[in-house]
């Protein structure tokens, strides 16, 4: 009989139902044993789907002896308190990105998980896409010479019809809206490919939404000579998710949400071209989470990795607000 890690779903509507639950259902090393949501109907529906119990409150979830880990798919500003309660109760945690709303909260979450000796994994699935893994391999092989920089865009149109009452429209609950919801995925990929971010400069603008910025442009400096630019808007339709990696002897073009990967030589000739249509990075990350629970292995997208991606977002917000370069070491200093 296959071994299963027993998990609870916390937050069952929206992204959880449309994406993550479908991925979890395909993982033969996970078993959902409890579900919880502020909307009781959402929790019941998920519980029925997985043959799990429906818990009325988060405290009820943490009191379940058979729950080994919680999967937090809740608003960003709830993550810290929910994680701290979970690890205190002896549960491992998968938290959807961003790890939190502030770097300080993210660091507190890492410390809490470390003290409790519980696993903390952050849902940065994008780096697991086959096209980006291939780009990582090409760079490691020196196929584009020395990596010089990156230009990326991740924008979508959610803000066009979202409305002002949604929690994401509130800058206190979702600061740097497009960057913390969309662009942070790309920041994590940039960190994977280029190392530790050092300084950030940015502009944040408001085109459609009344309360929150919906257009952002950031420049991120890594160790010399590496520099990246990231455009992330929340009011652009159709969505755009593309990345261009530039080297001294070629470049890599990633388009169609990174499902198309092309390696170009010095004269822009296409040396390799690949299309990936069947890969599922969400299934991959949840299988990794299950294996980590069962075997105690470290995970690639751990808490500190989540903090470093979030630090770029927070530095971008500060740069736009204060009109200056912001050092990552101002935010991550322990």
C-alpha atoms as a PDB file:
ATOM      1  CA  UNK A   1       0.000   0.000   0.000  1.00  0.00           C
ATOM      2  CA  UNK A   2       1.302   3.441  -0.915  1.00  0.00           C
ATOM      3  CA  UNK A   3       2.413   5.701   1.929  1.00  0.00           C
ATOM      4  CA  UNK A   4       0.532   8.983   2.291  1.00  0.00           C
ATOM      5  CA  UNK A   5       1.240  12.259   4.068  1.00  0.00           C
ATOM      6  CA  UNK A   6      -1.993  13.391   5.728  1.00  0.00           C
ATOM      7  CA  UNK A   7      -2.799  17.037   5.047  1.00  0.00           C
ATOM      8  CA  UNK A   8      -5.504  19.604   5.758  1.00  0.00           C
ATOM      9  CA  UNK A   9      -6.649  22.189   3.229  1.00  0.00           C
ATOM     10  CA  UNK A  10      -7.067  25.638   4.756  1.00  0.00           C
ATOM     11  CA  UNK A  11      -8.801  27.899   2.230  1.00  0.00           C
ATOM     12  CA  UNK A  12     -10.890  25.910  -0.232  1.00  0.00           C
ATOM     13  CA  UNK A  13     -12.312  28.372  -2.778  1.00  0.00           C
ATOM     14  CA  UNK A  14     -10.883  30.290  -5.717  1.00  0.00           C
ATOM     15  CA  UNK A  15      -7.292  29.364  -6.555  1.00  0.00           C
ATOM     16  CA  UNK A  16      -7.400  26.467  -4.113  1.00  0.00           C
ATOM     17  CA  UNK A  17     -10.323  24.800  -5.873  1.00  0.00           C
ATOM     18  CA  UNK A  18      -9.416  25.743  -9.446  1.00  0.00           C
ATOM     19  CA  UNK A  19      -5.704  24.852  -9.327  1.00  0.00           C
ATOM     20  CA  UNK A  20      -4.171  23.449  -6.163  1.00  0.00           C
ATOM     21  CA  UNK A  21      -6.840  20.906  -5.252  1.00  0.00           C
ATOM     22  CA  UNK A  22      -6.708  19.472  -8.758  1.00  0.00           C
ATOM     23  CA  UNK A  23      -2.956  19.068  -8.402  1.00  0.00           C
ATOM     24  CA  UNK A  24      -3.202  17.528  -4.930  1.00  0.00           C
ATOM     25  CA  UNK A  25      -5.751  15.005  -6.209  1.00  0.00           C
ATOM     26  CA  UNK A  26      -3.087  13.733  -8.624  1.00  0.00           C
ATOM     27  CA  UNK A  27      -0.475  13.176  -5.895  1.00  0.00           C
ATOM     28  CA  UNK A  28      -0.372   9.556  -4.755  1.00  0.00           C
ATOM     29  CA  UNK A  29       1.716  10.473  -1.709  1.00  0.00           C
ATOM     30  CA  UNK A  30      -0.854  12.888  -0.215  1.00  0.00           C
ATOM     31  CA  UNK A  31      -4.198  12.251   1.478  1.00  0.00           C
ATOM     32  CA  UNK A  32      -6.531  15.113   2.374  1.00  0.00           C
ATOM     33  CA  UNK A  33      -8.088  14.310   5.748  1.00  0.00           C
ATOM     34  CA  UNK A  34      -9.546  17.704   6.732  1.00  0.00           C
ATOM     35  CA  UNK A  35     -10.833  20.880   5.060  1.00  0.00           C
ATOM     36  CA  UNK A  36     -11.557  24.333   6.446  1.00  0.00           C
ATOM     37  CA  UNK A  37     -12.746  27.634   4.981  1.00  0.00           C
ATOM     38  CA  UNK A  38     -14.516  30.740   6.267  1.00  0.00           C
ATOM     39  CA  UNK A  39     -17.146  29.810   3.684  1.00  0.00           C
ATOM     40  CA  UNK A  40     -18.608  26.610   5.098  1.00  0.00           C
ATOM     41  CA  UNK A  41     -20.038  25.572   1.725  1.00  0.00           C
ATOM     42  CA  UNK A  42     -16.591  25.693   0.129  1.00  0.00           C
ATOM     43  CA  UNK A  43     -15.153  23.554   2.925  1.00  0.00           C
ATOM     44  CA  UNK A  44     -17.974  21.000   2.609  1.00  0.00           C
ATOM     45  CA  UNK A  45     -17.519  20.737  -1.136  1.00  0.00           C
ATOM     46  CA  UNK A  46     -13.794  20.069  -0.809  1.00  0.00           C
ATOM     47  CA  UNK A  47     -14.327  17.631   2.053  1.00  0.00           C
ATOM     48  CA  UNK A  48     -16.813  15.669  -0.031  1.00  0.00           C
ATOM     49  CA  UNK A  49     -14.428  15.611  -2.989  1.00  0.00           C
ATOM     50  CA  UNK A  50     -11.594  14.099  -0.940  1.00  0.00           C
ATOM     51  CA  UNK A  51     -13.654  12.043   1.501  1.00  0.00           C
ATOM     52  CA  UNK A  52     -12.321  14.199   4.340  1.00  0.00           C
ATOM     53  CA  UNK A  53     -13.844  15.741   7.449  1.00  0.00           C
ATOM     54  CA  UNK A  54     -15.060  19.337   7.394  1.00  0.00           C
ATOM     55  CA  UNK A  55     -13.697  21.506  10.217  1.00  0.00           C
ATOM     56  CA  UNK A  56     -15.563  24.581  11.385  1.00  0.00           C
ATOM     57  CA  UNK A  57     -12.488  26.517  12.515  1.00  0.00           C
ATOM     58  CA  UNK A  58      -8.739  26.574  12.008  1.00  0.00           C
ATOM     59  CA  UNK A  59      -8.300  25.604  15.660  1.00  0.00           C
ATOM     60  CA  UNK A  60     -10.353  22.497  14.922  1.00  0.00           C
ATOM     61  CA  UNK A  61      -7.925  21.623  12.112  1.00  0.00           C
ATOM     62  CA  UNK A  62      -4.907  21.991  14.383  1.00  0.00           C
ATOM     63  CA  UNK A  63      -6.571  19.786  17.010  1.00  0.00           C
ATOM     64  CA  UNK A  64      -6.809  16.868  14.548  1.00  0.00           C
ATOM     65  CA  UNK A  65      -4.259  14.241  15.580  1.00  0.00           C
ATOM     66  CA  UNK A  66      -4.194  12.676  12.107  1.00  0.00           C
ATOM     67  CA  UNK A  67      -3.243  15.940  10.346  1.00  0.00           C
ATOM     68  CA  UNK A  68       0.502  15.983   9.710  1.00  0.00           C
ATOM     69  CA  UNK A  69       0.573  19.205   7.681  1.00  0.00           C
ATOM     70  CA  UNK A  70      -1.584  22.136   6.668  1.00  0.00           C
ATOM     71  CA  UNK A  71      -1.760  23.674   3.208  1.00  0.00           C
ATOM     72  CA  UNK A  72      -2.431  27.401   3.655  1.00  0.00           C
ATOM     73  CA  UNK A  73      -4.268  28.917   0.682  1.00  0.00           C
ATOM     74  CA  UNK A  74      -5.485  32.001   2.482  1.00  0.00           C
ATOM     75  CA  UNK A  75      -5.021  35.787   2.157  1.00  0.00           C
ATOM     76  CA  UNK A  76      -1.409  36.924   2.491  1.00  0.00           C
ATOM     77  CA  UNK A  77      -1.889  38.844   5.729  1.00  0.00           C
ATOM     78  CA  UNK A  78      -3.086  35.717   7.568  1.00  0.00           C
ATOM     79  CA  UNK A  79      -0.065  33.559   6.771  1.00  0.00           C
ATOM     80  CA  UNK A  80       2.187  34.421   9.715  1.00  0.00           C
ATOM     81  CA  UNK A  81      -0.352  33.821  12.476  1.00  0.00           C
ATOM     82  CA  UNK A  82      -1.619  30.660  10.811  1.00  0.00           C
ATOM     83  CA  UNK A  83       1.882  29.231  10.374  1.00  0.00           C
ATOM     84  CA  UNK A  84       2.926  30.046  13.929  1.00  0.00           C
ATOM     85  CA  UNK A  85      -0.171  28.310  15.263  1.00  0.00           C
ATOM     86  CA  UNK A  86       0.399  25.308  13.001  1.00  0.00           C
ATOM     87  CA  UNK A  87       4.043  24.668  13.907  1.00  0.00           C
ATOM     88  CA  UNK A  88       3.233  25.155  17.603  1.00  0.00           C
ATOM     89  CA  UNK A  89       0.668  22.385  17.149  1.00  0.00           C
ATOM     90  CA  UNK A  90       3.329  20.197  15.557  1.00  0.00           C
ATOM     91  CA  UNK A  91       2.147  20.511  11.955  1.00  0.00           C
ATOM     92  CA  UNK A  92       4.284  20.992   8.851  1.00  0.00           C
ATOM     93  CA  UNK A  93       3.234  23.861   6.573  1.00  0.00           C
ATOM     94  CA  UNK A  94       2.894  24.508   2.849  1.00  0.00           C
ATOM     95  CA  UNK A  95       2.036  28.180   2.349  1.00  0.00           C
ATOM     96  CA  UNK A  96       1.059  29.681  -0.971  1.00  0.00           C
ATOM     97  CA  UNK A  97       3.234  32.521  -2.150  1.00  0.00           C
ATOM     98  CA  UNK A  98       3.898  35.120  -0.982  1.00  0.00           C
ATOM     99  CA  UNK A  99       5.163  33.727   2.298  1.00  0.00           C
ATOM    100  CA  UNK A 100       3.749  36.884   3.944  1.00  0.00           C
ATOM    101  CA  UNK A 101       3.128  40.568   3.270  1.00  0.00           C
ATOM    102  CA  UNK A 102       6.375  41.790   4.826  1.00  0.00           C
ATOM    103  CA  UNK A 103       9.907  40.469   4.988  1.00  0.00           C
ATOM    104  CA  UNK A 104       9.849  40.830   8.779  1.00  0.00           C
ATOM    105  CA  UNK A 105       6.823  38.533   9.009  1.00  0.00           C
ATOM    106  CA  UNK A 106       8.430  36.065   6.602  1.00  0.00           C
ATOM    107  CA  UNK A 107      11.601  35.915   8.693  1.00  0.00           C
ATOM    108  CA  UNK A 108       9.509  35.397  11.835  1.00  0.00           C
ATOM    109  CA  UNK A 109       7.788  32.476  10.102  1.00  0.00           C
ATOM    110  CA  UNK A 110      11.125  30.893   9.183  1.00  0.00           C
ATOM    111  CA  UNK A 111      12.328  31.217  12.771  1.00  0.00           C
ATOM    112  CA  UNK A 112       9.093  29.754  14.152  1.00  0.00           C
ATOM    113  CA  UNK A 113       9.297  26.723  11.857  1.00  0.00           C
ATOM    114  CA  UNK A 114      12.982  26.224  12.711  1.00  0.00           C
ATOM    115  CA  UNK A 115      12.316  26.385  16.459  1.00  0.00           C
ATOM    116  CA  UNK A 116       9.524  23.832  16.142  1.00  0.00           C
ATOM    117  CA  UNK A 117      11.597  21.690  13.761  1.00  0.00           C
ATOM    118  CA  UNK A 118       8.724  21.668  11.311  1.00  0.00           C
ATOM    119  CA  UNK A 119       8.908  21.798   7.529  1.00  0.00           C
ATOM    120  CA  UNK A 120       8.058  25.091   5.801  1.00  0.00           C
ATOM    121  CA  UNK A 121       7.582  25.059   2.023  1.00  0.00           C
ATOM    122  CA  UNK A 122       6.485  28.057  -0.039  1.00  0.00           C
ATOM    123  CA  UNK A 123       4.377  27.632  -3.189  1.00  0.00           C
ATOM    124  CA  UNK A 124       6.793  29.040  -5.755  1.00  0.00           C
ATOM    125  CA  UNK A 125       5.835  26.584  -8.472  1.00  0.00           C
ATOM    126  CA  UNK A 126       6.938  28.621 -11.510  1.00  0.00           C
ATOM    127  CA  UNK A 127      10.618  27.648 -11.253  1.00  0.00           C
ATOM    128  CA  UNK A 128       9.490  24.023 -11.745  1.00  0.00           C
ATOM    129  CA  UNK A 129       8.197  24.612 -15.263  1.00  0.00           C
ATOM    130  CA  UNK A 130      10.069  22.523 -17.795  1.00  0.00           C
ATOM    131  CA  UNK A 131      11.010  25.526 -19.944  1.00  0.00           C
ATOM    132  CA  UNK A 132      12.640  27.286 -17.003  1.00  0.00           C
ATOM    133  CA  UNK A 133      14.433  24.129 -15.910  1.00  0.00           C
ATOM    134  CA  UNK A 134      15.801  23.860 -19.452  1.00  0.00           C
ATOM    135  CA  UNK A 135      16.930  27.489 -19.342  1.00  0.00           C
ATOM    136  CA  UNK A 136      18.705  26.782 -16.050  1.00  0.00           C
ATOM    137  CA  UNK A 137      20.459  23.830 -17.678  1.00  0.00           C
ATOM    138  CA  UNK A 138      21.488  25.841 -20.754  1.00  0.00           C
ATOM    139  CA  UNK A 139      22.974  28.556 -18.548  1.00  0.00           C
ATOM    140  CA  UNK A 140      24.871  26.001 -16.433  1.00  0.00           C
ATOM    141  CA  UNK A 141      26.256  24.451 -19.633  1.00  0.00           C
ATOM    142  CA  UNK A 142      27.515  27.837 -20.850  1.00  0.00           C
ATOM    143  CA  UNK A 143      25.288  27.733 -23.927  1.00  0.00           C
ATOM    144  CA  UNK A 144      24.802  31.529 -23.885  1.00  0.00           C
ATOM    145  CA  UNK A 145      28.272  32.318 -22.595  1.00  0.00           C
ATOM    146  CA  UNK A 146      28.307  34.401 -19.446  1.00  0.00           C
ATOM    147  CA  UNK A 147      24.852  35.371 -18.184  1.00  0.00           C
ATOM    148  CA  UNK A 148      24.515  39.170 -18.203  1.00  0.00           C
ATOM    149  CA  UNK A 149      20.908  39.872 -17.342  1.00  0.00           C
ATOM    150  CA  UNK A 150      17.204  39.226 -17.645  1.00  0.00           C
ATOM    151  CA  UNK A 151      14.158  41.101 -18.913  1.00  0.00           C
ATOM    152  CA  UNK A 152      10.806  39.681 -17.820  1.00  0.00           C
ATOM    153  CA  UNK A 153       7.116  40.508 -17.873  1.00  0.00           C
ATOM    154  CA  UNK A 154       4.259  38.947 -15.947  1.00  0.00           C
ATOM    155  CA  UNK A 155       1.012  40.850 -16.280  1.00  0.00           C
ATOM    156  CA  UNK A 156      -2.657  39.936 -16.286  1.00  0.00           C
ATOM    157  CA  UNK A 157      -6.109  41.445 -16.318  1.00  0.00           C
ATOM    158  CA  UNK A 158      -7.545  40.338 -12.964  1.00  0.00           C
ATOM    159  CA  UNK A 159      -7.765  43.929 -11.751  1.00  0.00           C
ATOM    160  CA  UNK A 160     -10.005  44.974 -14.626  1.00  0.00           C
ATOM    161  CA  UNK A 161     -13.035  43.170 -13.184  1.00  0.00           C
ATOM    162  CA  UNK A 162     -11.943  42.515  -9.603  1.00  0.00           C
ATOM    163  CA  UNK A 163     -13.785  45.356  -7.910  1.00  0.00           C
ATOM    164  CA  UNK A 164     -12.715  47.445  -4.928  1.00  0.00           C
ATOM    165  CA  UNK A 165     -14.225  45.207  -2.231  1.00  0.00           C
ATOM    166  CA  UNK A 166     -11.864  42.271  -2.845  1.00  0.00           C
ATOM    167  CA  UNK A 167      -9.069  41.908  -0.275  1.00  0.00           C
ATOM    168  CA  UNK A 168      -6.419  42.210  -2.996  1.00  0.00           C
ATOM    169  CA  UNK A 169      -7.616  45.758  -3.740  1.00  0.00           C
ATOM    170  CA  UNK A 170      -6.622  46.824  -0.221  1.00  0.00           C
ATOM    171  CA  UNK A 171      -2.953  47.935  -0.106  1.00  0.00           C
ATOM    172  CA  UNK A 172      -2.777  47.080   3.589  1.00  0.00           C
ATOM    173  CA  UNK A 173      -3.686  43.457   2.852  1.00  0.00           C
ATOM    174  CA  UNK A 174      -1.986  43.133  -0.549  1.00  0.00           C
ATOM    175  CA  UNK A 175       0.843  45.672  -0.935  1.00  0.00           C
ATOM    176  CA  UNK A 176       2.368  46.047  -4.394  1.00  0.00           C
ATOM    177  CA  UNK A 177      -0.601  44.157  -5.820  1.00  0.00           C
ATOM    178  CA  UNK A 178       0.637  42.921  -9.226  1.00  0.00           C
ATOM    179  CA  UNK A 179       4.164  42.360  -7.970  1.00  0.00           C
ATOM    180  CA  UNK A 180       3.216  40.394  -4.864  1.00  0.00           C
ATOM    181  CA  UNK A 181       0.545  38.345  -6.670  1.00  0.00           C
ATOM    182  CA  UNK A 182       2.177  37.801 -10.073  1.00  0.00           C
ATOM    183  CA  UNK A 183       5.673  39.209 -10.351  1.00  0.00           C
ATOM    184  CA  UNK A 184       6.949  37.460  -7.233  1.00  0.00           C
ATOM    185  CA  UNK A 185       6.863  34.196  -9.186  1.00  0.00           C
ATOM    186  CA  UNK A 186       9.379  35.669 -11.613  1.00  0.00           C
ATOM    187  CA  UNK A 187      11.495  37.151  -8.836  1.00  0.00           C
ATOM    188  CA  UNK A 188      11.858  33.647  -7.425  1.00  0.00           C
ATOM    189  CA  UNK A 189      12.985  32.396 -10.847  1.00  0.00           C
ATOM    190  CA  UNK A 190      15.460  35.268 -11.187  1.00  0.00           C
ATOM    191  CA  UNK A 191      16.865  34.433  -7.758  1.00  0.00           C
ATOM    192  CA  UNK A 192      17.222  30.805  -8.837  1.00  0.00           C
ATOM    193  CA  UNK A 193      19.127  31.786 -11.971  1.00  0.00           C
ATOM    194  CA  UNK A 194      21.117  34.818 -10.789  1.00  0.00           C
ATOM    195  CA  UNK A 195      21.681  34.389  -7.075  1.00  0.00           C
ATOM    196  CA  UNK A 196      21.150  36.862  -4.259  1.00  0.00           C
ATOM    197  CA  UNK A 197      19.361  40.146  -5.077  1.00  0.00           C
ATOM    198  CA  UNK A 198      21.195  43.220  -3.777  1.00  0.00           C
ATOM    199  CA  UNK A 199      19.383  46.477  -4.680  1.00  0.00           C
ATOM    200  CA  UNK A 200      16.058  47.507  -6.216  1.00  0.00           C
ATOM    201  CA  UNK A 201      14.714  50.604  -7.966  1.00  0.00           C
ATOM    202  CA  UNK A 202      11.092  50.916  -9.063  1.00  0.00           C
ATOM    203  CA  UNK A 203       8.052  52.856 -10.196  1.00  0.00           C
ATOM    204  CA  UNK A 204       4.537  51.863  -9.061  1.00  0.00           C
ATOM    205  CA  UNK A 205       1.524  53.489 -10.722  1.00  0.00           C
ATOM    206  CA  UNK A 206      -2.286  53.343 -10.571  1.00  0.00           C
ATOM    207  CA  UNK A 207      -4.188  52.995 -13.845  1.00  0.00           C
ATOM    208  CA  UNK A 208      -7.579  51.469 -12.990  1.00  0.00           C
ATOM    209  CA  UNK A 209      -7.914  50.589  -9.315  1.00  0.00           C
ATOM    210  CA  UNK A 210      -8.766  53.346  -6.855  1.00  0.00           C
ATOM    211  CA  UNK A 211      -6.992  52.123  -3.721  1.00  0.00           C
ATOM    212  CA  UNK A 212      -4.062  49.985  -4.816  1.00  0.00           C
ATOM    213  CA  UNK A 213      -1.262  50.356  -7.358  1.00  0.00           C
ATOM    214  CA  UNK A 214      -1.924  48.146 -10.370  1.00  0.00           C
ATOM    215  CA  UNK A 215       1.160  48.810 -12.538  1.00  0.00           C
ATOM    216  CA  UNK A 216       4.773  48.189 -11.469  1.00  0.00           C
ATOM    217  CA  UNK A 217       8.218  48.264 -13.064  1.00  0.00           C
ATOM    218  CA  UNK A 218      11.264  47.135 -11.083  1.00  0.00           C
ATOM    219  CA  UNK A 219      15.019  47.017 -11.711  1.00  0.00           C
ATOM    220  CA  UNK A 220      16.867  44.442  -9.621  1.00  0.00           C
ATOM    221  CA  UNK A 221      20.646  44.430  -9.192  1.00  0.00           C
ATOM    222  CA  UNK A 222      22.347  41.146  -8.376  1.00  0.00           C
ATOM    223  CA  UNK A 223      26.094  40.661  -8.005  1.00  0.00           C
ATOM    224  CA  UNK A 224      27.856  42.432 -10.869  1.00  0.00           C
ATOM    225  CA  UNK A 225      27.269  42.416 -13.746  1.00  0.00           C
ATOM    226  CA  UNK A 226      23.832  40.818 -13.343  1.00  0.00           C
ATOM    227  CA  UNK A 227      20.791  43.089 -13.610  1.00  0.00           C
ATOM    228  CA  UNK A 228      17.134  42.254 -14.195  1.00  0.00           C
ATOM    229  CA  UNK A 229      14.036  44.210 -15.137  1.00  0.00           C
ATOM    230  CA  UNK A 230      10.518  43.083 -14.272  1.00  0.00           C
ATOM    231  CA  UNK A 231       7.257  44.590 -15.485  1.00  0.00           C
ATOM    232  CA  UNK A 232       4.142  43.414 -13.670  1.00  0.00           C
ATOM    233  CA  UNK A 233       0.695  44.940 -14.209  1.00  0.00           C
ATOM    234  CA  UNK A 234      -2.703  43.768 -12.935  1.00  0.00           C
ATOM    235  CA  UNK A 235      -4.822  45.481 -15.577  1.00  0.00           C
ATOM    236  CA  UNK A 236      -3.464  44.068 -18.868  1.00  0.00           C
ATOM    237  CA  UNK A 237      -5.541  41.774 -21.068  1.00  0.00           C
ATOM    238  CA  UNK A 238      -4.527  39.369 -22.533  1.00  0.00           C
ATOM    239  CA  UNK A 239      -2.055  38.163 -19.936  1.00  0.00           C
ATOM    240  CA  UNK A 240       1.648  38.249 -20.712  1.00  0.00           C
ATOM    241  CA  UNK A 241       4.261  36.023 -19.080  1.00  0.00           C
ATOM    242  CA  UNK A 242       7.636  35.970 -20.828  1.00  0.00           C
ATOM    243  CA  UNK A 243      11.333  36.069 -19.996  1.00  0.00           C
ATOM    244  CA  UNK A 244      14.454  36.925 -21.984  1.00  0.00           C
ATOM    245  CA  UNK A 245      17.829  35.814 -20.615  1.00  0.00           C
ATOM    246  CA  UNK A 246      20.843  37.513 -22.176  1.00  0.00           C
ATOM    247  CA  UNK A 247      24.412  36.261 -22.329  1.00  0.00           C
ATOM    248  CA  UNK A 248      27.701  37.136 -23.988  1.00  0.00           C
ATOM    249  CA  UNK A 249      27.266  34.431 -26.640  1.00  0.00           C
ATOM    250  CA  UNK A 250      23.514  34.091 -27.070  1.00  0.00           C
ATOM    251  CA  UNK A 251      20.175  34.415 -25.359  1.00  0.00           C
ATOM    252  CA  UNK A 252      17.191  32.385 -24.192  1.00  0.00           C
ATOM    253  CA  UNK A 253      13.613  33.322 -25.068  1.00  0.00           C
ATOM    254  CA  UNK A 254      10.819  31.948 -22.858  1.00  0.00           C
ATOM    255  CA  UNK A 255       7.286  32.685 -24.054  1.00  0.00           C
ATOM    256  CA  UNK A 256       3.720  31.338 -23.758  1.00  0.00           C
ATOM    257  CA  UNK A 257       3.953  31.318 -19.938  1.00  0.00           C
ATOM    258  CA  UNK A 258       7.358  29.630 -20.324  1.00  0.00           C
ATOM    259  CA  UNK A 259       5.953  26.685 -22.260  1.00  0.00           C
ATOM    260  CA  UNK A 260       8.042  27.717 -25.289  1.00  0.00           C
ATOM    261  CA  UNK A 261      11.833  27.796 -24.824  1.00  0.00           C
ATOM    262  CA  UNK A 262      14.285  28.858 -27.522  1.00  0.00           C
ATOM    263  CA  UNK A 263      18.063  28.972 -27.414  1.00  0.00           C
ATOM    264  CA  UNK A 264      19.508  31.581 -29.798  1.00  0.00           C
ATOM    265  CA  UNK A 265      23.118  31.947 -30.900  1.00  0.00           C
ATOM    266  CA  UNK A 266      25.218  35.103 -31.432  1.00  0.00           C
ATOM    267  CA  UNK A 267      23.567  35.844 -34.803  1.00  0.00           C
ATOM    268  CA  UNK A 268      20.067  35.190 -33.440  1.00  0.00           C
ATOM    269  CA  UNK A 269      19.932  31.784 -35.112  1.00  0.00           C
ATOM    270  CA  UNK A 270      17.679  29.324 -33.295  1.00  0.00           C
ATOM    271  CA  UNK A 271      19.931  26.565 -31.955  1.00  0.00           C
ATOM    272  CA  UNK A 272      17.203  24.711 -30.060  1.00  0.00           C
ATOM    273  CA  UNK A 273      13.453  25.137 -29.681  1.00  0.00           C
ATOM    274  CA  UNK A 274      11.176  23.201 -27.353  1.00  0.00           C
ATOM    275  CA  UNK A 275       7.470  23.311 -26.544  1.00  0.00           C
ATOM    276  CA  UNK A 276       6.169  21.910 -23.266  1.00  0.00           C
ATOM    277  CA  UNK A 277       2.419  21.385 -23.112  1.00  0.00           C
ATOM    278  CA  UNK A 278       1.920  18.511 -20.683  1.00  0.00           C
ATOM    279  CA  UNK A 279       3.998  19.538 -17.674  1.00  0.00           C
ATOM    280  CA  UNK A 280       2.295  20.508 -14.410  1.00  0.00           C
ATOM    281  CA  UNK A 281       4.445  22.410 -11.938  1.00  0.00           C
ATOM    282  CA  UNK A 282       1.692  22.376  -9.303  1.00  0.00           C
ATOM    283  CA  UNK A 283       1.572  18.578  -9.181  1.00  0.00           C
ATOM    284  CA  UNK A 284       5.361  18.509  -8.976  1.00  0.00           C
ATOM    285  CA  UNK A 285       5.558  20.883  -6.014  1.00  0.00           C
ATOM    286  CA  UNK A 286       2.894  19.065  -4.007  1.00  0.00           C
ATOM    287  CA  UNK A 287       4.535  15.688  -4.634  1.00  0.00           C
ATOM    288  CA  UNK A 288       7.779  17.195  -3.344  1.00  0.00           C
ATOM    289  CA  UNK A 289       5.921  18.441  -0.249  1.00  0.00           C
ATOM    290  CA  UNK A 290       4.502  14.973   0.384  1.00  0.00           C
ATOM    291  CA  UNK A 291       7.910  13.327   0.022  1.00  0.00           C
ATOM    292  CA  UNK A 292       9.466  15.897   2.354  1.00  0.00           C
ATOM    293  CA  UNK A 293       6.868  15.179   5.053  1.00  0.00           C
ATOM    294  CA  UNK A 294       7.334  11.425   4.742  1.00  0.00           C
ATOM    295  CA  UNK A 295      11.131  11.402   4.558  1.00  0.00           C
ATOM    296  CA  UNK A 296      12.209  14.583   6.341  1.00  0.00           C
ATOM    297  CA  UNK A 297      14.063  15.874   3.290  1.00  0.00           C
ATOM    298  CA  UNK A 298      14.733  19.592   2.674  1.00  0.00           C
ATOM    299  CA  UNK A 299      12.704  21.378   0.005  1.00  0.00           C
ATOM    300  CA  UNK A 300      13.927  23.632  -2.789  1.00  0.00           C
ATOM    301  CA  UNK A 301      11.453  26.462  -2.185  1.00  0.00           C
ATOM    302  CA  UNK A 302      11.928  26.780   1.553  1.00  0.00           C
ATOM    303  CA  UNK A 303      11.053  29.632   3.868  1.00  0.00           C
ATOM    304  CA  UNK A 304      14.240  31.592   3.313  1.00  0.00           C
ATOM    305  CA  UNK A 305      13.772  31.375  -0.455  1.00  0.00           C
ATOM    306  CA  UNK A 306      10.261  32.740   0.014  1.00  0.00           C
ATOM    307  CA  UNK A 307      11.649  35.576   2.125  1.00  0.00           C
ATOM    308  CA  UNK A 308      14.238  36.535  -0.505  1.00  0.00           C
ATOM    309  CA  UNK A 309      11.566  36.752  -3.210  1.00  0.00           C
ATOM    310  CA  UNK A 310       9.348  38.809  -0.916  1.00  0.00           C
ATOM    311  CA  UNK A 311      12.240  41.102   0.002  1.00  0.00           C
ATOM    312  CA  UNK A 312      12.525  42.194  -3.643  1.00  0.00           C
ATOM    313  CA  UNK A 313       8.802  43.002  -3.669  1.00  0.00           C
ATOM    314  CA  UNK A 314       9.022  45.018  -0.461  1.00  0.00           C
ATOM    315  CA  UNK A 315      12.162  46.813  -1.677  1.00  0.00           C
ATOM    316  CA  UNK A 316      10.341  47.698  -4.906  1.00  0.00           C
ATOM    317  CA  UNK A 317       7.431  49.156  -2.931  1.00  0.00           C
ATOM    318  CA  UNK A 318       9.794  51.217  -0.767  1.00  0.00           C
ATOM    319  CA  UNK A 319      11.757  52.425  -3.797  1.00  0.00           C
ATOM    320  CA  UNK A 320       8.608  53.600  -5.563  1.00  0.00           C
ATOM    321  CA  UNK A 321       7.309  55.278  -2.415  1.00  0.00           C
ATOM    322  CA  UNK A 322      10.543  56.976  -1.364  1.00  0.00           C
ATOM    323  CA  UNK A 323      12.188  57.571  -4.751  1.00  0.00           C
ATOM    324  CA  UNK A 324      15.478  55.834  -3.965  1.00  0.00           C
ATOM    325  CA  UNK A 325      17.472  52.650  -4.416  1.00  0.00           C
ATOM    326  CA  UNK A 326      16.638  50.158  -1.663  1.00  0.00           C
ATOM    327  CA  UNK A 327      19.151  47.591  -0.496  1.00  0.00           C
ATOM    328  CA  UNK A 328      17.910  44.087   0.252  1.00  0.00           C
ATOM    329  CA  UNK A 329      20.124  44.118   3.335  1.00  0.00           C
ATOM    330  CA  UNK A 330      17.848  46.822   4.774  1.00  0.00           C
ATOM    331  CA  UNK A 331      15.131  44.178   4.990  1.00  0.00           C
ATOM    332  CA  UNK A 332      16.996  40.900   5.425  1.00  0.00           C
ATOM    333  CA  UNK A 333      19.604  41.491   8.093  1.00  0.00           C
ATOM    334  CA  UNK A 334      19.726  38.370  10.200  1.00  0.00           C
END
